[in-house]
Amino acid sequence: MALDITDLPHPARNDLRLTDVLFALSDPERLAIVRQLAGGPLDMAQCHLSDPTMPKSTKSHLMKVLREAGVIRNEPLGRGRRLSLRHDDLESRFPGLIGSVLHAAIGS
């Protein structure tokens, strides 16, 4: 049986909503994922949660919330998935927001 890795839907830049982005960033685990991606794209398997015993399904849900809010891009790469922060899209729609959130997260 062949592995079927498909493209997932991502909101267009103009469809990003501030309330969705803020909700996605409000969870400490999701924020930790975004902080990891601020340094550049990562394979999904390289993205670690603070609780290593957390089920894969929970990790997938965290990624889904971030993707559907438009905070990250989740694209197929070989047999896995590649995650990246949609920094340019977020900066275009909400200037200074992602930088402020990431800076505040580092200081806390």
C-alpha atoms as a PDB file:
ATOM      1  CA  MET A   1       0.000   0.000   0.000  1.00  0.00           C
ATOM      2  CA  ALA A   2       1.449   3.361  -1.032  1.00  0.00           C
ATOM      3  CA  LEU A   3       1.779   6.126   1.515  1.00  0.00           C
ATOM      4  CA  ASP A   4      -0.540   8.998   0.585  1.00  0.00           C
ATOM      5  CA  ILE A   5       0.761  12.330   1.843  1.00  0.00           C
ATOM      6  CA  THR A   6      -1.475  15.095   0.605  1.00  0.00           C
ATOM      7  CA  ASP A   7      -1.461  18.841   0.812  1.00  0.00           C
ATOM      8  CA  LEU A   8      -3.459  20.216   3.704  1.00  0.00           C
ATOM      9  CA  PRO A   9      -5.603  23.357   3.380  1.00  0.00           C
ATOM     10  CA  HIS A  10      -4.083  26.610   4.626  1.00  0.00           C
ATOM     11  CA  PRO A  11      -5.937  29.923   4.846  1.00  0.00           C
ATOM     12  CA  ALA A  12      -4.869  32.556   2.348  1.00  0.00           C
ATOM     13  CA  ARG A  13      -2.982  35.561   3.731  1.00  0.00           C
ATOM     14  CA  ASN A  14      -6.028  37.825   3.378  1.00  0.00           C
ATOM     15  CA  ASP A  15      -8.204  35.286   5.215  1.00  0.00           C
ATOM     16  CA  LEU A  16      -6.094  35.282   8.402  1.00  0.00           C
ATOM     17  CA  ARG A  17      -8.181  36.447  11.359  1.00  0.00           C
ATOM     18  CA  LEU A  18      -6.641  38.022  14.424  1.00  0.00           C
ATOM     19  CA  THR A  19      -8.938  36.137  16.810  1.00  0.00           C
ATOM     20  CA  ASP A  20      -7.915  32.780  15.289  1.00  0.00           C
ATOM     21  CA  VAL A  21      -4.208  33.643  15.436  1.00  0.00           C
ATOM     22  CA  LEU A  22      -4.417  34.823  19.043  1.00  0.00           C
ATOM     23  CA  PHE A  23      -6.372  31.716  20.042  1.00  0.00           C
ATOM     24  CA  ALA A  24      -3.776  29.468  18.396  1.00  0.00           C
ATOM     25  CA  LEU A  25      -0.965  31.272  20.222  1.00  0.00           C
ATOM     26  CA  SER A  26      -2.764  31.189  23.590  1.00  0.00           C
ATOM     27  CA  ASP A  27      -1.873  27.556  24.373  1.00  0.00           C
ATOM     28  CA  PRO A  28       1.599  27.057  25.919  1.00  0.00           C
ATOM     29  CA  GLU A  29       2.331  23.912  23.852  1.00  0.00           C
ATOM     30  CA  ARG A  30       1.297  25.578  20.595  1.00  0.00           C
ATOM     31  CA  LEU A  31       3.345  28.644  21.481  1.00  0.00           C
ATOM     32  CA  ALA A  32       6.350  26.406  22.170  1.00  0.00           C
ATOM     33  CA  ILE A  33       5.961  24.902  18.689  1.00  0.00           C
ATOM     34  CA  VAL A  34       5.848  28.384  17.134  1.00  0.00           C
ATOM     35  CA  ARG A  35       8.983  29.374  19.065  1.00  0.00           C
ATOM     36  CA  GLN A  36      10.791  26.334  17.654  1.00  0.00           C
ATOM     37  CA  LEU A  37       9.696  27.253  14.126  1.00  0.00           C
ATOM     38  CA  ALA A  38      10.827  30.872  14.537  1.00  0.00           C
ATOM     39  CA  GLY A  39      14.366  29.596  13.936  1.00  0.00           C
ATOM     40  CA  GLY A  40      13.401  28.117  10.575  1.00  0.00           C
ATOM     41  CA  PRO A  41      11.451  25.203   9.092  1.00  0.00           C
ATOM     42  CA  LEU A  42      11.559  21.815  10.809  1.00  0.00           C
ATOM     43  CA  ASP A  43      10.464  18.312   9.973  1.00  0.00           C
ATOM     44  CA  MET A  44       7.386  17.525  12.035  1.00  0.00           C
ATOM     45  CA  ALA A  45       9.298  14.738  13.806  1.00  0.00           C
ATOM     46  CA  GLN A  46      11.925  17.283  14.958  1.00  0.00           C
ATOM     47  CA  CYS A  47       9.326  19.496  16.620  1.00  0.00           C
ATOM     48  CA  HIS A  48       9.238  18.531  20.286  1.00  0.00           C
ATOM     49  CA  LEU A  49       6.628  19.129  22.946  1.00  0.00           C
ATOM     50  CA  SER A  50       7.513  19.939  26.531  1.00  0.00           C
ATOM     51  CA  ASP A  51       5.739  16.752  27.606  1.00  0.00           C
ATOM     52  CA  PRO A  52       7.281  13.826  25.692  1.00  0.00           C
ATOM     53  CA  THR A  53       4.542  11.480  26.932  1.00  0.00           C
ATOM     54  CA  MET A  54       1.866  13.482  25.106  1.00  0.00           C
ATOM     55  CA  PRO A  55       0.052  11.268  22.564  1.00  0.00           C
ATOM     56  CA  LYS A  56       0.728  11.714  18.845  1.00  0.00           C
ATOM     57  CA  SER A  57      -2.926  12.573  18.367  1.00  0.00           C
ATOM     58  CA  THR A  58      -2.574  15.550  20.705  1.00  0.00           C
ATOM     59  CA  LYS A  59       0.535  16.754  18.872  1.00  0.00           C
ATOM     60  CA  SER A  60      -1.348  16.445  15.575  1.00  0.00           C
ATOM     61  CA  HIS A  61      -4.243  18.448  16.996  1.00  0.00           C
ATOM     62  CA  LEU A  62      -1.885  21.216  18.167  1.00  0.00           C
ATOM     63  CA  MET A  63      -0.419  21.402  14.640  1.00  0.00           C
ATOM     64  CA  LYS A  64      -3.904  21.441  13.114  1.00  0.00           C
ATOM     65  CA  VAL A  65      -5.014  24.415  15.229  1.00  0.00           C
ATOM     66  CA  LEU A  66      -1.866  26.347  14.267  1.00  0.00           C
ATOM     67  CA  ARG A  67      -2.274  25.483  10.573  1.00  0.00           C
ATOM     68  CA  GLU A  68      -5.978  26.319  10.417  1.00  0.00           C
ATOM     69  CA  ALA A  69      -5.321  29.674  12.106  1.00  0.00           C
ATOM     70  CA  GLY A  70      -2.665  30.434   9.497  1.00  0.00           C
ATOM     71  CA  VAL A  71       0.236  30.528  11.945  1.00  0.00           C
ATOM     72  CA  ILE A  72       2.185  27.646  10.399  1.00  0.00           C
ATOM     73  CA  ARG A  73       2.458  25.913   7.051  1.00  0.00           C
ATOM     74  CA  ASN A  74       2.419  22.097   7.096  1.00  0.00           C
ATOM     75  CA  GLU A  75       3.541  20.623   3.780  1.00  0.00           C
ATOM     76  CA  PRO A  76       4.489  17.155   2.582  1.00  0.00           C
ATOM     77  CA  LEU A  77       8.199  16.429   2.353  1.00  0.00           C
ATOM     78  CA  GLY A  78       9.108  12.924   1.272  1.00  0.00           C
ATOM     79  CA  ARG A  79       7.468  10.501   3.691  1.00  0.00           C
ATOM     80  CA  GLY A  80       7.045  13.141   6.383  1.00  0.00           C
ATOM     81  CA  ARG A  81       5.860  16.700   6.799  1.00  0.00           C
ATOM     82  CA  ARG A  82       7.707  20.004   6.925  1.00  0.00           C
ATOM     83  CA  LEU A  83       6.516  22.766   9.256  1.00  0.00           C
ATOM     84  CA  SER A  84       7.287  26.445   8.866  1.00  0.00           C
ATOM     85  CA  LEU A  85       6.166  29.634  10.540  1.00  0.00           C
ATOM     86  CA  ARG A  86       4.150  31.896   8.236  1.00  0.00           C
ATOM     87  CA  HIS A  87       6.093  34.895   9.476  1.00  0.00           C
ATOM     88  CA  ASP A  88       5.727  37.015   6.313  1.00  0.00           C
ATOM     89  CA  ASP A  89       1.976  36.403   6.093  1.00  0.00           C
ATOM     90  CA  LEU A  90       1.467  37.176   9.780  1.00  0.00           C
ATOM     91  CA  GLU A  91       3.659  40.279   9.595  1.00  0.00           C
ATOM     92  CA  SER A  92       1.766  41.506   6.532  1.00  0.00           C
ATOM     93  CA  ARG A  93      -1.659  41.077   8.166  1.00  0.00           C
ATOM     94  CA  PHE A  94      -0.760  42.001  11.760  1.00  0.00           C
ATOM     95  CA  PRO A  95       2.459  44.072  11.781  1.00  0.00           C
ATOM     96  CA  GLY A  96       4.597  43.445  14.853  1.00  0.00           C
ATOM     97  CA  LEU A  97       2.289  40.831  16.376  1.00  0.00           C
ATOM     98  CA  ILE A  98       4.341  37.679  15.927  1.00  0.00           C
ATOM     99  CA  GLY A  99       7.569  39.412  16.937  1.00  0.00           C
ATOM    100  CA  SER A 100       5.920  40.777  20.078  1.00  0.00           C
ATOM    101  CA  VAL A 101       4.422  37.419  21.002  1.00  0.00           C
ATOM    102  CA  LEU A 102       7.714  35.595  20.467  1.00  0.00           C
ATOM    103  CA  HIS A 103       9.655  38.235  22.389  1.00  0.00           C
ATOM    104  CA  ALA A 104       7.170  38.119  25.289  1.00  0.00           C
ATOM    105  CA  ALA A 105       7.319  34.302  25.308  1.00  0.00           C
ATOM    106  CA  ILE A 106      11.107  34.387  25.636  1.00  0.00           C
ATOM    107  CA  GLY A 107      10.908  36.850  28.521  1.00  0.00           C
ATOM    108  CA  SER A 108       8.390  34.803  30.497  1.00  0.00           C
END
